[in-house]
Each structure stands twice: as structure tokens, then as C-alpha cells.
């Protein structure tokens, strides 16, 4: 079971992305909203779910744990497979999707390609009352607040290539940003400066 991937985006297409994790390329299908925020060379963490059928093994990936939780919940509904679940998450973020189920809003759900009004009503019937709305909304908010900081990750990887341990590198980057009032997520133009500051922090601690 592959539950999470941490690596660099090799390429992106309409269906998803190829993620390079230590030289191994994982093909991952993703919601359109997630795909649109990716670009080649970007470092990301994906929460993943493997779906195995008679014909194929397909890896689905999400930029937030809330999306993955909702993806798994939707497939508990009879007749709703991963493609429709992915279509729903491409149409509505997990917190709004959960709210639509709780409110019985079949119109909002049926906007997803591949899901008609009857399918939407079935989802509401089977999931209403069983979704932990506060947990999903909380996960969505937490995921938004802790968006992947690719700039900081680049600095950390640079420090690790110089021989520093990952935790030491991470602590040094956080101290450098805090002490010099540098906002995170790091902008690309701030990466070289933070790298120098973090190196100074690490050398000072020797």
C-alpha cells in the first residue's frame, strides 16, 4: 500500500503527473484542481491511494489529506468508483463537497462530469450523517495552512547535499526565516539568500 509520495514532479498532463521519487517515476492520477497547480521540477508531497482492478493498478494522488479522505469515503457508495470520485473532487473541494452532502444539495454534486442527479442523490442518501464534517473541514483548513513550501524544500535539499542532516537543515531554515523576518512559503528569489543564512546558522552551531 503506497500511502504517500514525496518527490519532484517530472511531468504533468490533463490526467495527473509523474512524480520522481529517488529515481523511480510514479504515474499518479489527480483532481484537475491539483493538476493545475503543478509544474515540472516542483517538489511536492502527495497523499495517495492505490486502486486495484482486474485490468490495472492505478495510483491516485492528492495535495491534501482531506481530499484523500473524501476520495475514500465516496467510494463506499455503491456504484461510485474512483473515476467519479475524482471527478467530484475536481469539481468541489472536500469541505464544500462534504457540506453539499450534509445539506442534501444534489444540484451542487451533479455538476461533476459523469455523475447525474440520481447518482448525486444516492451519495447524499448513503453518506449523509456518516461524514465527519468537522474533521474534513479541519483537515482542509490545515492542509491549506501548511501548503507545501517548495522554496524551503529546495534549501533543505541543498543543505543535505552538503552533508547536513535533514532535521538540522530544516531547523536552520526555520531559524533563518524567523530571525530575518522572511515570509514562508519562500519565493524563488529568496532561496539563495536563505541558503546562505541557513549555512551561517549551521556553521555557528558547530
Protein backbone atom coordinates (compact mmCIF):
# COMPACT_ATOMS: atom_id res chain seq x y z
CA UNK A 1 0.00 0.00 0.00
CA UNK A 2 1.53 3.31 -1.12
CA UNK A 3 0.03 5.90 1.24
CA UNK A 4 2.21 8.93 0.46
CA UNK A 5 4.87 10.07 -2.03
CA UNK A 6 7.47 12.78 -1.53
CA UNK A 7 9.37 13.81 -4.65
CA UNK A 8 9.82 16.02 -7.69
CA UNK A 9 7.30 16.48 -10.47
CA UNK A 10 8.77 15.04 -13.69
CA UNK A 11 5.85 15.93 -15.96
CA UNK A 12 2.20 16.96 -15.87
CA UNK A 13 -0.72 16.20 -18.18
CA UNK A 14 -4.50 16.53 -18.03
CA UNK A 15 -4.96 13.31 -16.06
CA UNK A 16 -2.25 13.75 -13.46
CA UNK A 17 1.51 13.74 -13.06
CA UNK A 18 4.64 11.63 -12.99
CA UNK A 19 6.47 12.02 -9.68
CA UNK A 20 10.17 11.19 -9.43
CA UNK A 21 10.89 9.66 -6.02
CA UNK A 22 14.61 8.81 -5.75
CA UNK A 23 14.81 7.90 -9.43
CA UNK A 24 11.54 5.93 -9.59
CA UNK A 25 8.74 7.52 -11.61
CA UNK A 26 5.23 7.09 -10.20
CA UNK A 27 2.30 7.83 -12.51
CA UNK A 28 -0.42 9.43 -10.38
CA UNK A 29 -3.95 10.42 -11.38
CA UNK A 30 -5.16 13.57 -9.64
CA UNK A 31 -8.09 16.01 -9.41
CA UNK A 32 -7.95 18.75 -12.05
CA UNK A 33 -7.69 21.42 -9.36
CA UNK A 34 -4.48 19.79 -8.06
CA UNK A 35 -3.04 19.17 -11.52
CA UNK A 36 -3.46 22.85 -12.44
CA UNK A 37 -1.22 23.89 -9.53
CA UNK A 38 1.70 21.61 -10.51
CA UNK A 39 4.67 22.19 -12.81
CA UNK A 40 7.74 20.18 -13.79
CA UNK A 41 10.59 20.48 -11.29
CA UNK A 42 8.27 21.27 -8.37
CA UNK A 43 8.79 19.36 -5.11
CA UNK A 44 5.52 18.04 -3.66
CA UNK A 45 4.07 15.64 -1.12
CA UNK A 46 1.11 13.61 -2.39
CA UNK A 47 -1.33 11.62 -0.28
CA UNK A 48 -2.04 8.52 -2.35
CA UNK A 49 -4.47 5.66 -2.71
CA UNK A 50 -3.88 2.54 -4.81
CA UNK A 51 -6.91 1.11 -6.61
CA UNK A 52 -6.51 -2.43 -7.94
CA UNK A 53 -8.89 -3.87 -10.53
CA UNK A 54 -8.78 -6.92 -12.79
CA UNK A 55 -7.26 -4.84 -15.58
CA UNK A 56 -4.92 -2.40 -13.83
CA UNK A 57 -3.36 -0.94 -10.72
CA UNK A 58 -3.95 2.81 -10.57
CA UNK A 59 -2.39 5.25 -8.14
CA UNK A 60 -4.48 8.30 -7.22
CA UNK A 61 -2.84 11.29 -5.56
CA UNK A 62 -3.94 14.40 -3.69
CA UNK A 63 -2.25 17.52 -2.38
CA UNK A 64 -4.22 17.35 0.88
CA UNK A 65 -5.17 14.57 3.28
CA UNK A 66 -8.75 15.93 3.28
CA UNK A 67 -9.06 15.16 -0.44
CA UNK A 68 -7.81 11.62 0.07
CA UNK A 69 -10.25 11.05 2.95
CA UNK A 70 -13.15 12.26 0.83
CA UNK A 71 -11.98 10.15 -2.14
CA UNK A 72 -12.11 7.02 0.05
CA UNK A 73 -15.47 7.97 1.59
CA UNK A 74 -17.11 8.49 -1.81
CA UNK A 75 -16.14 5.02 -2.97
CA UNK A 76 -18.09 3.50 -0.09
CA UNK A 77 -21.23 4.46 -2.01
CA UNK A 78 -22.40 1.57 -4.19
CA UNK A 79 -21.87 2.34 -7.86
CA UNK A 80 -19.38 5.16 -7.21
CA UNK A 81 -15.90 4.24 -8.41
CA UNK A 82 -12.61 6.12 -8.34
CA UNK A 83 -13.25 7.95 -11.64
CA UNK A 84 -16.47 9.53 -10.40
CA UNK A 85 -14.91 10.26 -7.00
CA UNK A 86 -12.04 12.03 -8.78
CA UNK A 87 -14.50 13.95 -10.95
CA UNK A 88 -16.34 15.15 -7.83
CA UNK A 89 -13.08 16.34 -6.24
CA UNK A 90 -12.19 18.11 -9.49
CA UNK A 91 -15.48 19.99 -9.22
CA UNK A 92 -15.72 20.72 -5.49
CA UNK A 93 -13.06 20.92 -2.75
CA UNK A 94 -13.57 18.35 0.04
CA UNK A 95 -15.05 20.77 2.58
CA UNK A 96 -17.66 22.10 0.11
CA UNK A 97 -18.36 18.56 -1.09
CA UNK A 98 -18.97 17.40 2.48
CA UNK A 99 -21.19 20.41 3.10
CA UNK A 100 -23.22 19.67 -0.04
CA UNK A 101 -23.80 16.09 1.22
CA UNK A 102 -24.77 17.35 4.68
CA UNK A 103 -27.16 19.92 3.17
CA UNK A 104 -28.65 17.44 0.68
CA UNK A 105 -27.56 19.65 -2.23
CA UNK A 106 -27.82 17.22 -5.16
CA UNK A 107 -27.56 20.09 -7.66
CA UNK A 108 -24.06 21.00 -6.49
CA UNK A 109 -22.90 17.37 -6.64
CA UNK A 110 -24.43 16.65 -10.05
CA UNK A 111 -22.24 19.35 -11.65
CA UNK A 112 -19.41 16.79 -11.64
CA UNK A 113 -18.91 15.20 -15.09
CA UNK A 114 -20.06 11.59 -15.12
CA UNK A 115 -22.47 11.98 -12.21
CA UNK A 116 -26.15 12.57 -12.82
CA UNK A 117 -28.87 13.75 -10.45
CA UNK A 118 -29.70 10.17 -9.39
CA UNK A 119 -26.07 9.43 -8.58
CA UNK A 120 -25.85 12.63 -6.55
CA UNK A 121 -28.97 11.72 -4.59
CA UNK A 122 -27.54 8.26 -3.93
CA UNK A 123 -24.35 9.78 -2.50
CA UNK A 124 -26.42 12.01 -0.21
CA UNK A 125 -28.61 9.11 0.88
CA UNK A 126 -25.68 6.83 1.74
CA UNK A 127 -23.21 9.34 3.17
CA UNK A 128 -25.39 11.93 4.89
CA UNK A 129 -24.84 11.64 8.62
CA UNK A 130 -21.80 9.39 8.23
CA UNK A 131 -19.33 12.07 7.10
CA UNK A 132 -17.37 13.73 9.89
CA UNK A 133 -17.84 17.26 8.56
CA UNK A 134 -15.71 18.95 11.21
CA UNK A 135 -12.80 16.57 10.61
CA UNK A 136 -12.87 17.07 6.84
CA UNK A 137 -13.21 20.85 7.11
CA UNK A 138 -10.44 20.89 9.72
CA UNK A 139 -8.16 18.81 7.51
CA UNK A 140 -8.85 21.07 4.55
CA UNK A 141 -8.02 24.17 6.58
CA UNK A 142 -4.86 22.58 7.98
CA UNK A 143 -3.76 21.47 4.53
CA UNK A 144 -4.32 24.98 3.19
CA UNK A 145 -2.38 26.49 6.07
CA UNK A 146 0.51 24.08 5.60
CA UNK A 147 0.82 24.27 1.82
CA UNK A 148 3.98 22.65 0.51
CA UNK A 149 6.82 25.18 0.77
CA UNK A 150 8.87 24.25 -2.30
CA UNK A 151 11.36 27.08 -1.73
CA UNK A 152 12.25 25.90 1.78
CA UNK A 153 12.42 22.33 0.50
CA UNK A 154 14.96 23.39 -2.13
CA UNK A 155 17.12 24.99 0.57
CA UNK A 156 16.87 21.91 2.79
CA UNK A 157 17.84 19.63 -0.09
CA UNK A 158 20.76 21.92 -0.91
CA UNK A 159 22.00 21.72 2.67
CA UNK A 160 21.59 17.95 2.73
CA UNK A 161 23.70 17.69 -0.45
CA UNK A 162 26.44 19.48 1.51
CA UNK A 163 26.31 16.78 4.17
CA UNK A 164 23.90 18.20 6.76
CA UNK A 165 21.20 16.03 8.35
CA UNK A 166 17.64 16.74 7.22
CA UNK A 167 16.36 17.78 10.67
CA UNK A 168 19.34 20.09 11.26
CA UNK A 169 18.84 21.64 7.83
CA UNK A 170 15.11 22.12 8.45
CA UNK A 171 15.73 23.76 11.84
CA UNK A 172 18.35 26.08 10.34
CA UNK A 173 16.00 27.20 7.56
CA UNK A 174 13.21 27.89 10.05
CA UNK A 175 15.56 29.90 12.31
CA UNK A 176 16.92 31.88 9.37
CA UNK A 177 13.43 32.81 8.17
CA UNK A 178 12.25 33.67 11.68
CA UNK A 179 15.30 35.72 12.69
CA UNK A 180 15.37 37.72 9.46
CA UNK A 181 11.59 38.12 9.11
CA UNK A 182 11.44 36.24 5.80
CA UNK A 183 7.95 35.11 4.86
CA UNK A 184 7.14 31.50 4.01
CA UNK A 185 6.35 29.78 1.69
CA UNK A 186 9.65 31.06 0.28
CA UNK A 187 9.58 32.93 -3.00
CA UNK A 188 12.07 31.59 -5.54
CA UNK A 189 14.16 34.78 -5.35
CA UNK A 190 14.60 34.27 -1.58
CA UNK A 191 16.07 30.76 -1.90
CA UNK A 192 19.76 31.72 -2.44
CA UNK A 193 19.69 34.23 0.44
CA UNK A 194 18.07 31.80 2.86
CA UNK A 195 20.57 29.12 1.85
CA UNK A 196 23.44 31.42 2.86
CA UNK A 197 21.72 32.40 6.12
CA UNK A 198 20.98 28.76 6.99
CA UNK A 199 24.60 27.80 6.30
CA UNK A 200 25.72 30.54 8.66
CA UNK A 201 23.31 29.19 11.30
CA UNK A 202 24.67 25.66 10.89
CA UNK A 203 28.31 26.76 10.97
CA UNK A 204 27.63 28.77 14.12
CA UNK A 205 26.26 25.65 15.82
CA UNK A 206 29.32 23.52 15.14
